Every structure is written in C-alpha cells, then in structure tokens.
Amino acid sequence: GATSLPSKPWEYSVVLTERWRLVNSDQQSL
C-alpha cells in the first residue's frame, strides 16, 4: 500500500543466507 516512504533503510526488507532470514517488517526478527 506504499504506506511508508520508499527511501527508508531496512523497512520491509529481508536478508537471506542459506540458513538465516533477517526479516524487517513490524520489527526485526531472525
């Protein structure tokens, strides 16, 4: 819904490795 400015770092991102997922949605979770 584009509720946030697109220029914000981290927000609505996920960093993936073979084992891990660092999810940044409502909060940062591993």
All heavy atoms as atom14 arrays in JSON, in Angstrom:
{
  "sequence": "GATSLPSKPWEYSVVLTERWRLVNSDQQSL",
  "atom14_mask": [
    [1, 1, 1, 1, 0, 0, 0, 0, 0, 0, 0, 0, 0, 0],
    [1, 1, 1, 1, 1, 0, 0, 0, 0, 0, 0, 0, 0, 0],
    [1, 1, 1, 1, 1, 1, 1, 0, 0, 0, 0, 0, 0, 0],
    [1, 1, 1, 1, 1, 1, 0, 0, 0, 0, 0, 0, 0, 0],
    [1, 1, 1, 1, 1, 1, 1, 1, 0, 0, 0, 0, 0, 0],
    [1, 1, 1, 1, 1, 1, 1, 0, 0, 0, 0, 0, 0, 0],
    [1, 1, 1, 1, 1, 1, 0, 0, 0, 0, 0, 0, 0, 0],
    [1, 1, 1, 1, 1, 1, 1, 1, 1, 0, 0, 0, 0, 0],
    [1, 1, 1, 1, 1, 1, 1, 0, 0, 0, 0, 0, 0, 0],
    [1, 1, 1, 1, 1, 1, 1, 1, 1, 1, 1, 1, 1, 1],
    [1, 1, 1, 1, 1, 1, 1, 1, 1, 0, 0, 0, 0, 0],
    [1, 1, 1, 1, 1, 1, 1, 1, 1, 1, 1, 1, 0, 0],
    [1, 1, 1, 1, 1, 1, 0, 0, 0, 0, 0, 0, 0, 0],
    [1, 1, 1, 1, 1, 1, 1, 0, 0, 0, 0, 0, 0, 0],
    [1, 1, 1, 1, 1, 1, 1, 0, 0, 0, 0, 0, 0, 0],
    [1, 1, 1, 1, 1, 1, 1, 1, 0, 0, 0, 0, 0, 0],
    [1, 1, 1, 1, 1, 1, 1, 0, 0, 0, 0, 0, 0, 0],
    [1, 1, 1, 1, 1, 1, 1, 1, 1, 0, 0, 0, 0, 0],
    [1, 1, 1, 1, 1, 1, 1, 1, 1, 1, 1, 0, 0, 0],
    [1, 1, 1, 1, 1, 1, 1, 1, 1, 1, 1, 1, 1, 1],
    [1, 1, 1, 1, 1, 1, 1, 1, 1, 1, 1, 0, 0, 0],
    [1, 1, 1, 1, 1, 1, 1, 1, 0, 0, 0, 0, 0, 0],
    [1, 1, 1, 1, 1, 1, 1, 0, 0, 0, 0, 0, 0, 0],
    [1, 1, 1, 1, 1, 1, 1, 1, 0, 0, 0, 0, 0, 0],
    [1, 1, 1, 1, 1, 1, 0, 0, 0, 0, 0, 0, 0, 0],
    [1, 1, 1, 1, 1, 1, 1, 1, 0, 0, 0, 0, 0, 0],
    [1, 1, 1, 1, 1, 1, 1, 1, 1, 0, 0, 0, 0, 0],
    [1, 1, 1, 1, 1, 1, 1, 1, 1, 0, 0, 0, 0, 0],
    [1, 1, 1, 1, 1, 1, 0, 0, 0, 0, 0, 0, 0, 0],
    [1, 1, 1, 1, 1, 1, 1, 1, 0, 0, 0, 0, 0, 0]
  ],
  "atom14_positions": [
    [[0.79, -1.23, 0.0], [0.0, 0.0, 0.0], [0.82, 1.27, 0.0], [0.27, 2.37, 0.08], [0.0, 0.0, 0.0], [0.0, 0.0, 0.0], [0.0, 0.0, 0.0], [0.0, 0.0, 0.0], [0.0, 0.0, 0.0], [0.0, 0.0, 0.0], [0.0, 0.0, 0.0], [0.0, 0.0, 0.0], [0.0, 0.0, 0.0], [0.0, 0.0, 0.0]],
    [[2.13, 1.16, -0.09], [3.03, 2.32, -0.13], [2.76, 3.25, 1.05], [2.76, 4.47, 0.9], [2.89, 3.07, -1.46], [0.0, 0.0, 0.0], [0.0, 0.0, 0.0], [0.0, 0.0, 0.0], [0.0, 0.0, 0.0], [0.0, 0.0, 0.0], [0.0, 0.0, 0.0], [0.0, 0.0, 0.0], [0.0, 0.0, 0.0], [0.0, 0.0, 0.0]],
    [[2.54, 2.67, 2.22], [2.2, 3.47, 3.39], [3.4, 4.19, 3.98], [3.24, 5.06, 4.84], [1.58, 2.58, 4.46], [2.48, 1.49, 4.75], [0.25, 2.0, 3.98], [0.0, 0.0, 0.0], [0.0, 0.0, 0.0], [0.0, 0.0, 0.0], [0.0, 0.0, 0.0], [0.0, 0.0, 0.0], [0.0, 0.0, 0.0], [0.0, 0.0, 0.0]],
    [[4.59, 3.84, 3.54], [5.81, 4.42, 4.08], [6.64, 5.02, 2.95], [6.49, 4.63, 1.78], [6.62, 3.34, 4.81], [7.85, 3.85, 5.28], [0.0, 0.0, 0.0], [0.0, 0.0, 0.0], [0.0, 0.0, 0.0], [0.0, 0.0, 0.0], [0.0, 0.0, 0.0], [0.0, 0.0, 0.0], [0.0, 0.0, 0.0], [0.0, 0.0, 0.0]],
    [[7.51, 5.93, 3.27], [8.41, 6.48, 2.27], [9.33, 5.38, 1.76], [9.9, 4.62, 2.55], [9.25, 7.61, 2.86], [8.51, 8.92, 3.17], [9.42, 9.85, 3.97], [8.04, 9.59, 1.89], [0.0, 0.0, 0.0], [0.0, 0.0, 0.0], [0.0, 0.0, 0.0], [0.0, 0.0, 0.0], [0.0, 0.0, 0.0], [0.0, 0.0, 0.0]],
    [[9.51, 5.25, 0.45], [10.36, 4.18, -0.08], [11.83, 4.35, 0.23], [12.61, 3.42, 0.07], [10.1, 4.25, -1.58], [9.65, 5.64, -1.84], [8.9, 6.05, -0.61], [0.0, 0.0, 0.0], [0.0, 0.0, 0.0], [0.0, 0.0, 0.0], [0.0, 0.0, 0.0], [0.0, 0.0, 0.0], [0.0, 0.0, 0.0], [0.0, 0.0, 0.0]],
    [[12.21, 5.54, 0.67], [13.63, 5.82, 0.89], [14.1, 5.47, 2.29], [15.18, 5.9, 2.71], [13.9, 7.3, 0.63], [13.06, 8.12, 1.43], [0.0, 0.0, 0.0], [0.0, 0.0, 0.0], [0.0, 0.0, 0.0], [0.0, 0.0, 0.0], [0.0, 0.0, 0.0], [0.0, 0.0, 0.0], [0.0, 0.0, 0.0], [0.0, 0.0, 0.0]],
    [[13.33, 4.69, 3.04], [13.73, 4.32, 4.39], [14.57, 3.05, 4.35], [14.15, 2.03, 3.81], [12.5, 4.08, 5.27], [11.77, 5.34, 5.68], [10.67, 5.02, 6.68], [9.97, 6.28, 7.17], [8.9, 5.95, 8.15], [0.0, 0.0, 0.0], [0.0, 0.0, 0.0], [0.0, 0.0, 0.0], [0.0, 0.0, 0.0], [0.0, 0.0, 0.0]],
    [[15.75, 3.06, 4.96], [16.54, 1.82, 5.02], [15.88, 0.81, 5.94], [15.11, 1.17, 6.83], [17.88, 2.31, 5.58], [17.56, 3.55, 6.33], [16.42, 4.2, 5.62], [0.0, 0.0, 0.0], [0.0, 0.0, 0.0], [0.0, 0.0, 0.0], [0.0, 0.0, 0.0], [0.0, 0.0, 0.0], [0.0, 0.0, 0.0], [0.0, 0.0, 0.0]],
    [[16.17, -0.45, 5.69], [15.74, -1.6, 6.49], [14.27, -1.94, 6.33], [13.9, -3.11, 6.34], [16.04, -1.38, 7.99], [17.48, -1.39, 8.32], [18.26, -0.33, 8.68], [18.36, -2.51, 8.29], [19.57, -0.72, 8.88], [19.64, -2.07, 8.65], [18.17, -3.87, 8.0], [20.73, -2.91, 8.73], [19.27, -4.71, 8.08], [20.53, -4.24, 8.44]],
    [[13.41, -0.95, 6.21], [11.97, -1.21, 6.3], [11.51, -2.17, 5.21], [11.84, -2.0, 4.04], [11.2, 0.11, 6.22], [9.8, 0.01, 6.75], [9.15, 1.38, 6.9], [9.21, 2.18, 5.96], [8.59, 1.65, 7.99], [0.0, 0.0, 0.0], [0.0, 0.0, 0.0], [0.0, 0.0, 0.0], [0.0, 0.0, 0.0], [0.0, 0.0, 0.0]],
    [[10.72, -3.16, 5.58], [10.17, -4.18, 4.68], [11.28, -4.85, 3.86], [11.18, -4.96, 2.64], [9.1, -3.58, 3.77], [7.97, -2.93, 4.54], [7.83, -1.55, 4.57], [7.08, -3.7, 5.26], [6.81, -0.95, 5.32], [6.05, -3.11, 6.0], [5.93, -1.74, 6.02], [4.93, -1.16, 6.76], [0.0, 0.0, 0.0], [0.0, 0.0, 0.0]],
    [[12.3, -5.27, 4.55], [13.41, -5.94, 3.88], [13.64, -7.31, 4.52], [13.16, -7.59, 5.62], [14.7, -5.11, 3.98], [15.19, -5.08, 5.31], [0.0, 0.0, 0.0], [0.0, 0.0, 0.0], [0.0, 0.0, 0.0], [0.0, 0.0, 0.0], [0.0, 0.0, 0.0], [0.0, 0.0, 0.0], [0.0, 0.0, 0.0], [0.0, 0.0, 0.0]],
    [[14.36, -8.16, 3.8], [14.79, -9.43, 4.34], [16.18, -9.71, 3.8], [16.44, -9.54, 2.61], [13.8, -10.58, 4.0], [13.55, -10.68, 2.52], [14.3, -11.91, 4.55], [0.0, 0.0, 0.0], [0.0, 0.0, 0.0], [0.0, 0.0, 0.0], [0.0, 0.0, 0.0], [0.0, 0.0, 0.0], [0.0, 0.0, 0.0], [0.0, 0.0, 0.0]],
    [[17.09, -10.09, 4.69], [18.43, -10.51, 4.32], [18.46, -12.03, 4.43], [18.14, -12.59, 5.49], [19.5, -9.88, 5.23], [20.9, -10.26, 4.75], [19.35, -8.36, 5.27], [0.0, 0.0, 0.0], [0.0, 0.0, 0.0], [0.0, 0.0, 0.0], [0.0, 0.0, 0.0], [0.0, 0.0, 0.0], [0.0, 0.0, 0.0], [0.0, 0.0, 0.0]],
    [[18.86, -12.69, 3.35], [18.79, -14.14, 3.27], [20.19, -14.74, 3.17], [21.04, -14.23, 2.42], [17.99, -14.59, 2.04], [16.57, -14.08, 1.83], [16.58, -12.74, 1.07], [15.75, -15.09, 1.04], [0.0, 0.0, 0.0], [0.0, 0.0, 0.0], [0.0, 0.0, 0.0], [0.0, 0.0, 0.0], [0.0, 0.0, 0.0], [0.0, 0.0, 0.0]],
    [[20.42, -15.83, 3.89], [21.56, -16.72, 3.68], [20.99, -18.13, 3.55], [19.78, -18.34, 3.63], [22.57, -16.65, 4.83], [21.99, -17.23, 6.0], [22.99, -15.21, 5.1], [0.0, 0.0, 0.0], [0.0, 0.0, 0.0], [0.0, 0.0, 0.0], [0.0, 0.0, 0.0], [0.0, 0.0, 0.0], [0.0, 0.0, 0.0], [0.0, 0.0, 0.0]],
    [[21.88, -19.1, 3.37], [21.4, -20.47, 3.28], [20.64, -20.89, 4.55], [19.67, -21.62, 4.48], [22.59, -21.43, 3.08], [23.41, -21.17, 1.83], [22.69, -21.57, 0.55], [21.72, -22.33, 0.65], [23.12, -21.13, -0.53], [0.0, 0.0, 0.0], [0.0, 0.0, 0.0], [0.0, 0.0, 0.0], [0.0, 0.0, 0.0], [0.0, 0.0, 0.0]],
    [[21.05, -20.37, 5.68], [20.44, -20.76, 6.95], [19.48, -19.71, 7.49], [18.41, -20.05, 8.01], [21.53, -21.05, 8.0], [20.96, -21.45, 9.35], [22.06, -21.65, 10.39], [21.5, -21.98, 11.7], [22.19, -22.12, 12.82], [23.51, -21.95, 12.79], [21.59, -22.41, 13.96], [0.0, 0.0, 0.0], [0.0, 0.0, 0.0], [0.0, 0.0, 0.0]],
    [[19.83, -18.43, 7.38], [19.14, -17.39, 8.13], [18.23, -16.53, 7.26], [18.47, -16.34, 6.07], [20.14, -16.49, 8.84], [21.01, -17.17, 9.85], [22.34, -17.45, 9.74], [20.6, -17.66, 11.13], [22.8, -18.08, 10.87], [21.73, -18.22, 11.74], [19.38, -17.68, 11.82], [21.7, -18.79, 13.01], [19.34, -18.25, 13.08], [20.49, -18.8, 13.66]],
    [[17.21, -15.96, 7.9], [16.38, -14.9, 7.33], [16.27, -13.79, 8.38], [15.73, -14.01, 9.47], [14.98, -15.39, 6.97], [14.93, -16.57, 6.01], [15.36, -16.17, 4.59], [15.1, -17.22, 3.63], [15.99, -18.12, 3.22], [17.24, -18.07, 3.71], [15.67, -19.04, 2.35], [0.0, 0.0, 0.0], [0.0, 0.0, 0.0], [0.0, 0.0, 0.0]],
    [[16.81, -12.61, 8.04], [16.66, -11.45, 8.91], [15.53, -10.61, 8.32], [15.69, -9.95, 7.3], [17.95, -10.64, 8.98], [17.89, -9.35, 9.82], [17.53, -9.65, 11.27], [19.2, -8.58, 9.72], [0.0, 0.0, 0.0], [0.0, 0.0, 0.0], [0.0, 0.0, 0.0], [0.0, 0.0, 0.0], [0.0, 0.0, 0.0], [0.0, 0.0, 0.0]],
    [[14.37, -10.65, 8.97], [13.15, -10.04, 8.45], [12.91, -8.71, 9.17], [12.92, -8.64, 10.41], [11.93, -10.97, 8.64], [10.65, -10.27, 8.17], [12.14, -12.27, 7.87], [0.0, 0.0, 0.0], [0.0, 0.0, 0.0], [0.0, 0.0, 0.0], [0.0, 0.0, 0.0], [0.0, 0.0, 0.0], [0.0, 0.0, 0.0], [0.0, 0.0, 0.0]],
    [[12.69, -7.68, 8.4], [12.39, -6.35, 8.94], [11.0, -5.95, 8.47], [10.81, -5.36, 7.41], [13.41, -5.32, 8.46], [14.8, -5.63, 8.98], [15.17, -5.23, 10.06], [15.56, -6.39, 8.19], [0.0, 0.0, 0.0], [0.0, 0.0, 0.0], [0.0, 0.0, 0.0], [0.0, 0.0, 0.0], [0.0, 0.0, 0.0], [0.0, 0.0, 0.0]],
    [[10.0, -6.32, 9.26], [8.62, -5.97, 8.94], [8.13, -5.04, 10.04], [8.59, -3.91, 10.13], [7.77, -7.25, 8.83], [6.46, -6.93, 8.41], [0.0, 0.0, 0.0], [0.0, 0.0, 0.0], [0.0, 0.0, 0.0], [0.0, 0.0, 0.0], [0.0, 0.0, 0.0], [0.0, 0.0, 0.0], [0.0, 0.0, 0.0], [0.0, 0.0, 0.0]],
    [[7.22, -5.48, 10.89], [6.83, -4.64, 12.03], [7.98, -4.49, 13.01], [8.09, -3.49, 13.72], [5.61, -5.24, 12.73], [4.39, -5.24, 11.84], [4.31, -4.35, 10.97], [3.53, -6.12, 12.0], [0.0, 0.0, 0.0], [0.0, 0.0, 0.0], [0.0, 0.0, 0.0], [0.0, 0.0, 0.0], [0.0, 0.0, 0.0], [0.0, 0.0, 0.0]],
    [[8.82, -5.51, 13.09], [10.0, -5.47, 13.93], [11.07, -6.33, 13.27], [10.81, -7.04, 12.31], [9.69, -6.0, 15.33], [9.2, -7.44, 15.34], [8.81, -7.92, 16.72], [8.57, -7.12, 17.62], [8.76, -9.22, 16.91], [0.0, 0.0, 0.0], [0.0, 0.0, 0.0], [0.0, 0.0, 0.0], [0.0, 0.0, 0.0], [0.0, 0.0, 0.0]],
    [[12.29, -6.25, 13.76], [13.38, -7.04, 13.2], [13.42, -8.4, 13.89], [13.49, -8.48, 15.12], [14.71, -6.31, 13.37], [15.84, -6.95, 12.59], [17.07, -6.06, 12.58], [17.85, -6.07, 13.52], [17.24, -5.29, 11.51], [0.0, 0.0, 0.0], [0.0, 0.0, 0.0], [0.0, 0.0, 0.0], [0.0, 0.0, 0.0], [0.0, 0.0, 0.0]],
    [[13.36, -9.46, 13.08], [13.32, -10.82, 13.61], [14.29, -11.69, 12.84], [14.51, -11.5, 11.64], [11.91, -11.41, 13.52], [10.96, -10.56, 14.14], [0.0, 0.0, 0.0], [0.0, 0.0, 0.0], [0.0, 0.0, 0.0], [0.0, 0.0, 0.0], [0.0, 0.0, 0.0], [0.0, 0.0, 0.0], [0.0, 0.0, 0.0], [0.0, 0.0, 0.0]],
    [[14.84, -12.7, 13.5], [15.82, -13.61, 12.91], [15.27, -15.04, 12.97], [14.84, -15.51, 14.03], [17.14, -13.54, 13.68], [18.27, -14.44, 13.19], [18.78, -13.98, 11.82], [19.41, -14.46, 14.21], [0.0, 0.0, 0.0], [0.0, 0.0, 0.0], [0.0, 0.0, 0.0], [0.0, 0.0, 0.0], [0.0, 0.0, 0.0], [0.0, 0.0, 0.0]]
  ]
}
